[in-house]
């Protein structure tokens, strides 16, 4: 039976060179490598062992979108700036891939959010996101008024530059930069983080992942954009209802160590401390 490995690479000279070396190395091991340039839009319907991502968090998020609801694990190898989704470093690439081929790895399931946008009672968008969905205003727009309902009960109206709804995985992305908490991926929660809130009483909030969130824009919103994992955007207005809930298709991530999350977290946040 043929073994297939997908390869998605950041548009970067160094990453591209390493990808060519990896493809040659895998081919010599009789493993078929399907690189991103080998297909146009959708990942071919092969039985993939995994998809290896050489790049930063942006490349990893693109790969997650490409996989969709297919049962294919992702392995991230860091070729970029500070990021949390790639566990392995470029210098350990071949050793890490060898471990995967030998079955010496663990699978972590990461929750995704299902985001639906309804306009005039018709669904106009449906996305699954790994990190976050963000309501953002343009630089020159007035504040965004985001009325939030939890399981159909009104919570509050966030008066801010925007609002981030993030998974635990996404808690270390835009939400963290906006003052949100870091949440371990195994914690079943969803984070609501206002961006530069007008009132100090608007604070980040963690709610159960069993809750369904509805958001409506109030006032006279102009130039408000809804972004999905920072990859795609949709202009929204007061006619729209945004529904967010836990998705049915968690993403599978390859980890070479059962308790590696805190090591990655410490390294990326550059936390000090000499204890082993």
C-alpha atoms as a PDB file:
ATOM      1  CA  UNK A   1       0.000   0.000   0.000  1.00  0.00           C
ATOM      2  CA  UNK A   2       1.346   3.419  -0.933  1.00  0.00           C
ATOM      3  CA  UNK A   3       2.136   5.834   1.870  1.00  0.00           C
ATOM      4  CA  UNK A   4       1.385   9.494   1.213  1.00  0.00           C
ATOM      5  CA  UNK A   5       2.579  12.566   3.048  1.00  0.00           C
ATOM      6  CA  UNK A   6       1.325  16.043   2.215  1.00  0.00           C
ATOM      7  CA  UNK A   7       3.744  18.971   2.248  1.00  0.00           C
ATOM      8  CA  UNK A   8       2.710  22.596   2.618  1.00  0.00           C
ATOM      9  CA  UNK A   9       5.493  25.163   2.665  1.00  0.00           C
ATOM     10  CA  UNK A  10       5.758  28.829   3.519  1.00  0.00           C
ATOM     11  CA  UNK A  11       6.738  31.090   0.611  1.00  0.00           C
ATOM     12  CA  UNK A  12      10.301  31.433   1.834  1.00  0.00           C
ATOM     13  CA  UNK A  13      13.657  30.530   0.281  1.00  0.00           C
ATOM     14  CA  UNK A  14      14.993  28.715   3.332  1.00  0.00           C
ATOM     15  CA  UNK A  15      11.781  26.736   3.869  1.00  0.00           C
ATOM     16  CA  UNK A  16      11.605  25.904   0.151  1.00  0.00           C
ATOM     17  CA  UNK A  17      15.161  24.529   0.149  1.00  0.00           C
ATOM     18  CA  UNK A  18      14.457  22.387   3.205  1.00  0.00           C
ATOM     19  CA  UNK A  19      11.214  21.144   1.618  1.00  0.00           C
ATOM     20  CA  UNK A  20      13.115  19.933  -1.459  1.00  0.00           C
ATOM     21  CA  UNK A  21      15.577  18.092   0.782  1.00  0.00           C
ATOM     22  CA  UNK A  22      12.718  16.516   2.732  1.00  0.00           C
ATOM     23  CA  UNK A  23      10.884  15.452  -0.419  1.00  0.00           C
ATOM     24  CA  UNK A  24      14.027  13.733  -1.751  1.00  0.00           C
ATOM     25  CA  UNK A  25      14.620  12.034   1.616  1.00  0.00           C
ATOM     26  CA  UNK A  26      11.055  10.746   1.832  1.00  0.00           C
ATOM     27  CA  UNK A  27      11.015   9.603  -1.801  1.00  0.00           C
ATOM     28  CA  UNK A  28      14.094   7.496  -1.102  1.00  0.00           C
ATOM     29  CA  UNK A  29      12.062   5.825   1.648  1.00  0.00           C
ATOM     30  CA  UNK A  30       9.366   4.937  -0.920  1.00  0.00           C
ATOM     31  CA  UNK A  31       6.937   7.502   0.450  1.00  0.00           C
ATOM     32  CA  UNK A  32       4.949   9.552  -2.032  1.00  0.00           C
ATOM     33  CA  UNK A  33       5.057  13.275  -1.288  1.00  0.00           C
ATOM     34  CA  UNK A  34       2.148  15.436  -2.429  1.00  0.00           C
ATOM     35  CA  UNK A  35       3.280  19.051  -2.279  1.00  0.00           C
ATOM     36  CA  UNK A  36       0.963  22.051  -2.469  1.00  0.00           C
ATOM     37  CA  UNK A  37       2.131  22.846  -5.999  1.00  0.00           C
ATOM     38  CA  UNK A  38       0.939  19.383  -7.101  1.00  0.00           C
ATOM     39  CA  UNK A  39      -2.738  20.329  -6.749  1.00  0.00           C
ATOM     40  CA  UNK A  40      -4.790  23.459  -7.378  1.00  0.00           C
ATOM     41  CA  UNK A  41      -7.356  23.840  -4.608  1.00  0.00           C
ATOM     42  CA  UNK A  42      -8.350  20.670  -2.753  1.00  0.00           C
ATOM     43  CA  UNK A  43      -6.065  18.128  -1.147  1.00  0.00           C
ATOM     44  CA  UNK A  44      -6.259  14.933  -3.251  1.00  0.00           C
ATOM     45  CA  UNK A  45      -8.303  12.029  -1.873  1.00  0.00           C
ATOM     46  CA  UNK A  46      -5.313   9.880  -0.910  1.00  0.00           C
ATOM     47  CA  UNK A  47      -4.840   8.038   2.365  1.00  0.00           C
ATOM     48  CA  UNK A  48      -2.415  10.500   3.946  1.00  0.00           C
ATOM     49  CA  UNK A  49      -0.260   9.517   6.896  1.00  0.00           C
ATOM     50  CA  UNK A  50      -0.065  13.223   7.746  1.00  0.00           C
ATOM     51  CA  UNK A  51       0.488  16.671   6.279  1.00  0.00           C
ATOM     52  CA  UNK A  52       3.754  18.381   7.204  1.00  0.00           C
ATOM     53  CA  UNK A  53       3.703  22.172   7.381  1.00  0.00           C
ATOM     54  CA  UNK A  54       6.968  24.096   7.046  1.00  0.00           C
ATOM     55  CA  UNK A  55       6.255  27.663   8.098  1.00  0.00           C
ATOM     56  CA  UNK A  56       4.696  29.825  10.777  1.00  0.00           C
ATOM     57  CA  UNK A  57       1.206  29.961  12.233  1.00  0.00           C
ATOM     58  CA  UNK A  58      -0.282  31.530   9.086  1.00  0.00           C
ATOM     59  CA  UNK A  59       0.870  28.612   6.935  1.00  0.00           C
ATOM     60  CA  UNK A  60      -0.419  26.162   9.536  1.00  0.00           C
ATOM     61  CA  UNK A  61      -3.854  27.812   9.590  1.00  0.00           C
ATOM     62  CA  UNK A  62      -3.999  27.651   5.779  1.00  0.00           C
ATOM     63  CA  UNK A  63      -3.206  23.937   5.966  1.00  0.00           C
ATOM     64  CA  UNK A  64      -5.935  23.411   8.569  1.00  0.00           C
ATOM     65  CA  UNK A  65      -8.466  25.062   6.251  1.00  0.00           C
ATOM     66  CA  UNK A  66      -7.271  22.886   3.368  1.00  0.00           C
ATOM     67  CA  UNK A  67      -7.780  19.689   5.376  1.00  0.00           C
ATOM     68  CA  UNK A  68     -11.290  20.719   6.407  1.00  0.00           C
ATOM     69  CA  UNK A  69     -13.151  17.834   8.041  1.00  0.00           C
ATOM     70  CA  UNK A  70     -10.833  15.089   6.773  1.00  0.00           C
ATOM     71  CA  UNK A  71      -9.164  12.838   9.336  1.00  0.00           C
ATOM     72  CA  UNK A  72      -5.578  13.853   8.525  1.00  0.00           C
ATOM     73  CA  UNK A  73      -3.165  14.935  11.281  1.00  0.00           C
ATOM     74  CA  UNK A  74      -1.023  18.042  10.851  1.00  0.00           C
ATOM     75  CA  UNK A  75       2.610  18.312  11.878  1.00  0.00           C
ATOM     76  CA  UNK A  76       4.017  21.833  12.196  1.00  0.00           C
ATOM     77  CA  UNK A  77       7.708  22.676  11.762  1.00  0.00           C
ATOM     78  CA  UNK A  78       8.582  26.257  12.607  1.00  0.00           C
ATOM     79  CA  UNK A  79       9.980  28.413   9.799  1.00  0.00           C
ATOM     80  CA  UNK A  80       8.880  31.877  10.823  1.00  0.00           C
ATOM     81  CA  UNK A  81       8.492  34.382  13.602  1.00  0.00           C
ATOM     82  CA  UNK A  82       7.014  33.687  17.030  1.00  0.00           C
ATOM     83  CA  UNK A  83       4.325  31.052  16.683  1.00  0.00           C
ATOM     84  CA  UNK A  84       2.563  28.447  18.803  1.00  0.00           C
ATOM     85  CA  UNK A  85       1.217  25.931  16.289  1.00  0.00           C
ATOM     86  CA  UNK A  86       4.515  24.435  15.143  1.00  0.00           C
ATOM     87  CA  UNK A  87       6.036  22.238  17.820  1.00  0.00           C
ATOM     88  CA  UNK A  88       9.212  21.148  16.006  1.00  0.00           C
ATOM     89  CA  UNK A  89      12.049  23.428  14.946  1.00  0.00           C
ATOM     90  CA  UNK A  90      13.687  23.409  11.518  1.00  0.00           C
ATOM     91  CA  UNK A  91      16.940  21.926  12.878  1.00  0.00           C
ATOM     92  CA  UNK A  92      15.020  18.884  14.155  1.00  0.00           C
ATOM     93  CA  UNK A  93      13.004  18.349  10.961  1.00  0.00           C
ATOM     94  CA  UNK A  94      14.364  14.988   9.804  1.00  0.00           C
ATOM     95  CA  UNK A  95      14.504  13.548  13.316  1.00  0.00           C
ATOM     96  CA  UNK A  96      10.892  14.611  13.896  1.00  0.00           C
ATOM     97  CA  UNK A  97       9.660  13.129  10.603  1.00  0.00           C
ATOM     98  CA  UNK A  98      11.558   9.897  11.337  1.00  0.00           C
ATOM     99  CA  UNK A  99       9.692   9.665  14.652  1.00  0.00           C
ATOM    100  CA  UNK A 100       6.368  10.075  12.845  1.00  0.00           C
ATOM    101  CA  UNK A 101       7.261   7.369  10.318  1.00  0.00           C
ATOM    102  CA  UNK A 102       8.161   5.050  13.216  1.00  0.00           C
ATOM    103  CA  UNK A 103       4.869   5.787  14.979  1.00  0.00           C
ATOM    104  CA  UNK A 104       6.575   7.540  17.898  1.00  0.00           C
ATOM    105  CA  UNK A 105       4.107  10.378  18.276  1.00  0.00           C
ATOM    106  CA  UNK A 106       0.912  11.466  19.980  1.00  0.00           C
ATOM    107  CA  UNK A 107      -2.237  12.998  18.535  1.00  0.00           C
ATOM    108  CA  UNK A 108      -3.718  16.112  20.130  1.00  0.00           C
ATOM    109  CA  UNK A 109      -7.247  17.094  19.197  1.00  0.00           C
ATOM    110  CA  UNK A 110      -7.778  20.845  18.940  1.00  0.00           C
ATOM    111  CA  UNK A 111     -11.282  22.285  19.022  1.00  0.00           C
ATOM    112  CA  UNK A 112     -12.472  24.350  16.098  1.00  0.00           C
ATOM    113  CA  UNK A 113     -15.323  26.839  16.028  1.00  0.00           C
ATOM    114  CA  UNK A 114     -18.179  26.712  13.556  1.00  0.00           C
ATOM    115  CA  UNK A 115     -19.111  30.227  12.480  1.00  0.00           C
ATOM    116  CA  UNK A 116     -22.337  30.947  10.626  1.00  0.00           C
ATOM    117  CA  UNK A 117     -23.449  34.335   9.302  1.00  0.00           C
ATOM    118  CA  UNK A 118     -27.177  34.801   8.654  1.00  0.00           C
ATOM    119  CA  UNK A 119     -28.529  37.791   6.719  1.00  0.00           C
ATOM    120  CA  UNK A 120     -32.252  38.284   6.193  1.00  0.00           C
ATOM    121  CA  UNK A 121     -32.815  34.709   7.431  1.00  0.00           C
ATOM    122  CA  UNK A 122     -30.423  33.252   4.848  1.00  0.00           C
ATOM    123  CA  UNK A 123     -27.032  31.788   5.675  1.00  0.00           C
ATOM    124  CA  UNK A 124     -24.436  33.734   3.683  1.00  0.00           C
ATOM    125  CA  UNK A 125     -21.262  32.210   5.175  1.00  0.00           C
ATOM    126  CA  UNK A 126     -20.199  29.086   7.039  1.00  0.00           C
ATOM    127  CA  UNK A 127     -16.623  28.576   8.247  1.00  0.00           C
ATOM    128  CA  UNK A 128     -14.680  26.438  10.683  1.00  0.00           C
ATOM    129  CA  UNK A 129     -11.801  28.209  12.406  1.00  0.00           C
ATOM    130  CA  UNK A 130      -8.947  26.831  14.488  1.00  0.00           C
ATOM    131  CA  UNK A 131      -7.859  30.092  16.133  1.00  0.00           C
ATOM    132  CA  UNK A 132     -10.524  32.764  16.088  1.00  0.00           C
ATOM    133  CA  UNK A 133     -13.244  34.755  14.443  1.00  0.00           C
ATOM    134  CA  UNK A 134     -12.816  38.516  14.804  1.00  0.00           C
ATOM    135  CA  UNK A 135     -15.143  41.491  14.424  1.00  0.00           C
ATOM    136  CA  UNK A 136     -12.899  44.360  13.356  1.00  0.00           C
ATOM    137  CA  UNK A 137     -13.501  47.960  12.380  1.00  0.00           C
ATOM    138  CA  UNK A 138     -11.372  49.813   9.865  1.00  0.00           C
ATOM    139  CA  UNK A 139      -8.868  52.368  11.155  1.00  0.00           C
ATOM    140  CA  UNK A 140     -11.184  55.311  10.477  1.00  0.00           C
ATOM    141  CA  UNK A 141     -14.435  53.734  11.659  1.00  0.00           C
ATOM    142  CA  UNK A 142     -16.235  54.535  14.861  1.00  0.00           C
ATOM    143  CA  UNK A 143     -16.359  52.008  17.697  1.00  0.00           C
ATOM    144  CA  UNK A 144     -18.089  48.724  17.024  1.00  0.00           C
ATOM    145  CA  UNK A 145     -21.084  47.892  19.236  1.00  0.00           C
ATOM    146  CA  UNK A 146     -21.264  44.093  19.483  1.00  0.00           C
ATOM    147  CA  UNK A 147     -24.321  42.794  21.332  1.00  0.00           C
ATOM    148  CA  UNK A 148     -23.552  39.294  22.628  1.00  0.00           C
ATOM    149  CA  UNK A 149     -26.115  36.601  23.462  1.00  0.00           C
ATOM    150  CA  UNK A 150     -25.143  33.323  25.167  1.00  0.00           C
ATOM    151  CA  UNK A 151     -27.603  30.484  24.505  1.00  0.00           C
ATOM    152  CA  UNK A 152     -30.157  33.131  23.425  1.00  0.00           C
ATOM    153  CA  UNK A 153     -29.785  35.150  26.658  1.00  0.00           C
ATOM    154  CA  UNK A 154     -28.450  38.694  26.306  1.00  0.00           C
ATOM    155  CA  UNK A 155     -25.037  39.091  27.974  1.00  0.00           C
ATOM    156  CA  UNK A 156     -23.757  42.595  27.194  1.00  0.00           C
ATOM    157  CA  UNK A 157     -22.854  44.955  24.379  1.00  0.00           C
ATOM    158  CA  UNK A 158     -19.122  45.316  23.891  1.00  0.00           C
ATOM    159  CA  UNK A 159     -18.263  48.882  22.885  1.00  0.00           C
ATOM    160  CA  UNK A 160     -14.766  48.482  21.457  1.00  0.00           C
ATOM    161  CA  UNK A 161     -12.580  48.489  18.366  1.00  0.00           C
ATOM    162  CA  UNK A 162     -13.723  44.929  17.858  1.00  0.00           C
ATOM    163  CA  UNK A 163     -14.336  41.546  19.449  1.00  0.00           C
ATOM    164  CA  UNK A 164     -12.372  38.285  19.292  1.00  0.00           C
ATOM    165  CA  UNK A 165     -14.012  34.904  19.782  1.00  0.00           C
ATOM    166  CA  UNK A 166     -11.194  32.386  20.202  1.00  0.00           C
ATOM    167  CA  UNK A 167     -10.590  28.706  20.862  1.00  0.00           C
ATOM    168  CA  UNK A 168      -8.045  27.638  23.498  1.00  0.00           C
ATOM    169  CA  UNK A 169      -5.611  27.166  20.604  1.00  0.00           C
ATOM    170  CA  UNK A 170      -6.340  30.729  19.467  1.00  0.00           C
ATOM    171  CA  UNK A 171      -5.935  32.095  22.988  1.00  0.00           C
ATOM    172  CA  UNK A 172      -2.214  32.549  22.284  1.00  0.00           C
ATOM    173  CA  UNK A 173      -2.843  34.462  19.042  1.00  0.00           C
ATOM    174  CA  UNK A 174      -4.687  37.785  18.536  1.00  0.00           C
ATOM    175  CA  UNK A 175      -6.650  37.316  21.769  1.00  0.00           C
ATOM    176  CA  UNK A 176      -3.430  37.225  23.815  1.00  0.00           C
ATOM    177  CA  UNK A 177      -2.191  40.418  22.146  1.00  0.00           C
ATOM    178  CA  UNK A 178      -5.511  42.064  23.074  1.00  0.00           C
ATOM    179  CA  UNK A 179      -5.118  41.117  26.748  1.00  0.00           C
ATOM    180  CA  UNK A 180      -6.952  37.787  26.785  1.00  0.00           C
ATOM    181  CA  UNK A 181      -5.947  34.794  28.940  1.00  0.00           C
ATOM    182  CA  UNK A 182      -3.834  31.823  27.857  1.00  0.00           C
ATOM    183  CA  UNK A 183      -5.985  28.677  27.946  1.00  0.00           C
ATOM    184  CA  UNK A 184      -4.607  25.152  27.708  1.00  0.00           C
ATOM    185  CA  UNK A 185      -5.970  23.322  24.619  1.00  0.00           C
ATOM    186  CA  UNK A 186      -7.519  20.620  26.810  1.00  0.00           C
ATOM    187  CA  UNK A 187      -9.714  23.164  28.621  1.00  0.00           C
ATOM    188  CA  UNK A 188     -13.237  23.068  27.123  1.00  0.00           C
ATOM    189  CA  UNK A 189     -13.813  26.794  26.791  1.00  0.00           C
ATOM    190  CA  UNK A 190     -14.304  29.675  24.363  1.00  0.00           C
ATOM    191  CA  UNK A 191     -12.753  33.110  24.930  1.00  0.00           C
ATOM    192  CA  UNK A 192     -14.468  36.446  24.283  1.00  0.00           C
ATOM    193  CA  UNK A 193     -11.877  39.244  24.181  1.00  0.00           C
ATOM    194  CA  UNK A 194     -12.821  42.863  23.381  1.00  0.00           C
ATOM    195  CA  UNK A 195     -10.245  44.844  21.387  1.00  0.00           C
ATOM    196  CA  UNK A 196      -9.396  48.170  23.057  1.00  0.00           C
ATOM    197  CA  UNK A 197     -12.731  48.402  24.929  1.00  0.00           C
ATOM    198  CA  UNK A 198     -14.180  51.850  25.554  1.00  0.00           C
ATOM    199  CA  UNK A 199     -15.149  50.882  29.112  1.00  0.00           C
ATOM    200  CA  UNK A 200     -12.784  49.250  31.601  1.00  0.00           C
ATOM    201  CA  UNK A 201     -15.607  47.001  32.772  1.00  0.00           C
ATOM    202  CA  UNK A 202     -15.556  45.168  29.420  1.00  0.00           C
ATOM    203  CA  UNK A 203     -13.124  42.378  30.257  1.00  0.00           C
ATOM    204  CA  UNK A 204     -12.178  39.093  28.549  1.00  0.00           C
ATOM    205  CA  UNK A 205     -14.540  36.256  29.394  1.00  0.00           C
ATOM    206  CA  UNK A 206     -14.201  32.467  29.206  1.00  0.00           C
ATOM    207  CA  UNK A 207     -17.414  30.529  28.635  1.00  0.00           C
ATOM    208  CA  UNK A 208     -18.106  26.762  28.310  1.00  0.00           C
ATOM    209  CA  UNK A 209     -17.570  25.264  24.870  1.00  0.00           C
ATOM    210  CA  UNK A 210     -21.116  23.882  25.067  1.00  0.00           C
ATOM    211  CA  UNK A 211     -22.522  27.413  24.713  1.00  0.00           C
ATOM    212  CA  UNK A 212     -23.764  28.942  21.471  1.00  0.00           C
ATOM    213  CA  UNK A 213     -22.867  32.586  20.926  1.00  0.00           C
ATOM    214  CA  UNK A 214     -24.887  35.028  18.864  1.00  0.00           C
ATOM    215  CA  UNK A 215     -23.571  38.481  17.979  1.00  0.00           C
ATOM    216  CA  UNK A 216     -25.490  41.411  16.515  1.00  0.00           C
ATOM    217  CA  UNK A 217     -24.064  44.766  15.548  1.00  0.00           C
ATOM    218  CA  UNK A 218     -25.877  47.714  17.083  1.00  0.00           C
ATOM    219  CA  UNK A 219     -25.950  51.410  16.236  1.00  0.00           C
ATOM    220  CA  UNK A 220     -24.913  52.411  12.723  1.00  0.00           C
ATOM    221  CA  UNK A 221     -21.972  50.144  11.925  1.00  0.00           C
ATOM    222  CA  UNK A 222     -19.834  51.069   8.927  1.00  0.00           C
ATOM    223  CA  UNK A 223     -16.710  49.385   7.578  1.00  0.00           C
ATOM    224  CA  UNK A 224     -16.977  46.403   9.939  1.00  0.00           C
ATOM    225  CA  UNK A 225     -15.301  43.188   8.803  1.00  0.00           C
ATOM    226  CA  UNK A 226     -15.593  39.657  10.138  1.00  0.00           C
ATOM    227  CA  UNK A 227     -12.352  37.696   9.691  1.00  0.00           C
ATOM    228  CA  UNK A 228     -11.896  33.938   9.944  1.00  0.00           C
ATOM    229  CA  UNK A 229      -8.494  32.818  11.280  1.00  0.00           C
ATOM    230  CA  UNK A 230      -7.085  35.988   9.716  1.00  0.00           C
ATOM    231  CA  UNK A 231      -7.358  34.244   6.326  1.00  0.00           C
ATOM    232  CA  UNK A 232     -10.674  35.410   4.890  1.00  0.00           C
ATOM    233  CA  UNK A 233     -12.896  38.397   5.536  1.00  0.00           C
ATOM    234  CA  UNK A 234     -16.552  39.309   5.140  1.00  0.00           C
ATOM    235  CA  UNK A 235     -18.133  42.752   5.365  1.00  0.00           C
ATOM    236  CA  UNK A 236     -20.982  42.703   7.885  1.00  0.00           C
ATOM    237  CA  UNK A 237     -23.694  45.114   9.009  1.00  0.00           C
ATOM    238  CA  UNK A 238     -26.619  45.411  11.428  1.00  0.00           C
ATOM    239  CA  UNK A 239     -28.743  43.038   9.300  1.00  0.00           C
ATOM    240  CA  UNK A 240     -26.393  40.171  10.109  1.00  0.00           C
ATOM    241  CA  UNK A 241     -26.530  37.614  12.887  1.00  0.00           C
ATOM    242  CA  UNK A 242     -23.257  35.847  13.688  1.00  0.00           C
ATOM    243  CA  UNK A 243     -23.552  32.443  15.358  1.00  0.00           C
ATOM    244  CA  UNK A 244     -20.502  30.758  16.896  1.00  0.00           C
ATOM    245  CA  UNK A 245     -20.352  27.328  18.517  1.00  0.00           C
ATOM    246  CA  UNK A 246     -17.997  24.404  18.981  1.00  0.00           C
ATOM    247  CA  UNK A 247     -17.356  22.710  15.639  1.00  0.00           C
ATOM    248  CA  UNK A 248     -17.920  19.018  14.993  1.00  0.00           C
ATOM    249  CA  UNK A 249     -14.506  18.491  13.383  1.00  0.00           C
ATOM    250  CA  UNK A 250     -11.563  18.927  15.754  1.00  0.00           C
ATOM    251  CA  UNK A 251      -8.148  19.290  14.150  1.00  0.00           C
ATOM    252  CA  UNK A 252      -5.628  16.552  14.845  1.00  0.00           C
ATOM    253  CA  UNK A 253      -2.125  17.793  15.602  1.00  0.00           C
ATOM    254  CA  UNK A 254       0.978  15.638  15.845  1.00  0.00           C
ATOM    255  CA  UNK A 255       3.043  16.007  19.016  1.00  0.00           C
ATOM    256  CA  UNK A 256       6.285  14.158  19.677  1.00  0.00           C
ATOM    257  CA  UNK A 257       5.912  14.476  23.428  1.00  0.00           C
ATOM    258  CA  UNK A 258       2.800  13.880  25.522  1.00  0.00           C
ATOM    259  CA  UNK A 259       3.344  16.984  27.651  1.00  0.00           C
ATOM    260  CA  UNK A 260       5.036  19.339  25.210  1.00  0.00           C
ATOM    261  CA  UNK A 261       2.522  22.223  25.297  1.00  0.00           C
ATOM    262  CA  UNK A 262       4.104  23.979  28.255  1.00  0.00           C
ATOM    263  CA  UNK A 263       7.592  23.642  26.754  1.00  0.00           C
ATOM    264  CA  UNK A 264       6.403  25.313  23.555  1.00  0.00           C
ATOM    265  CA  UNK A 265       4.536  27.967  25.557  1.00  0.00           C
ATOM    266  CA  UNK A 266       7.587  28.809  27.673  1.00  0.00           C
ATOM    267  CA  UNK A 267       9.834  29.003  24.615  1.00  0.00           C
ATOM    268  CA  UNK A 268       7.495  31.182  22.565  1.00  0.00           C
ATOM    269  CA  UNK A 269       6.708  33.551  25.455  1.00  0.00           C
ATOM    270  CA  UNK A 270      10.377  33.570  26.478  1.00  0.00           C
ATOM    271  CA  UNK A 271       9.568  32.846  30.093  1.00  0.00           C
ATOM    272  CA  UNK A 272      12.663  32.693  32.286  1.00  0.00           C
ATOM    273  CA  UNK A 273      13.500  30.045  34.844  1.00  0.00           C
ATOM    274  CA  UNK A 274      16.310  27.565  35.170  1.00  0.00           C
ATOM    275  CA  UNK A 275      14.384  24.627  36.636  1.00  0.00           C
ATOM    276  CA  UNK A 276      14.222  21.556  34.458  1.00  0.00           C
END
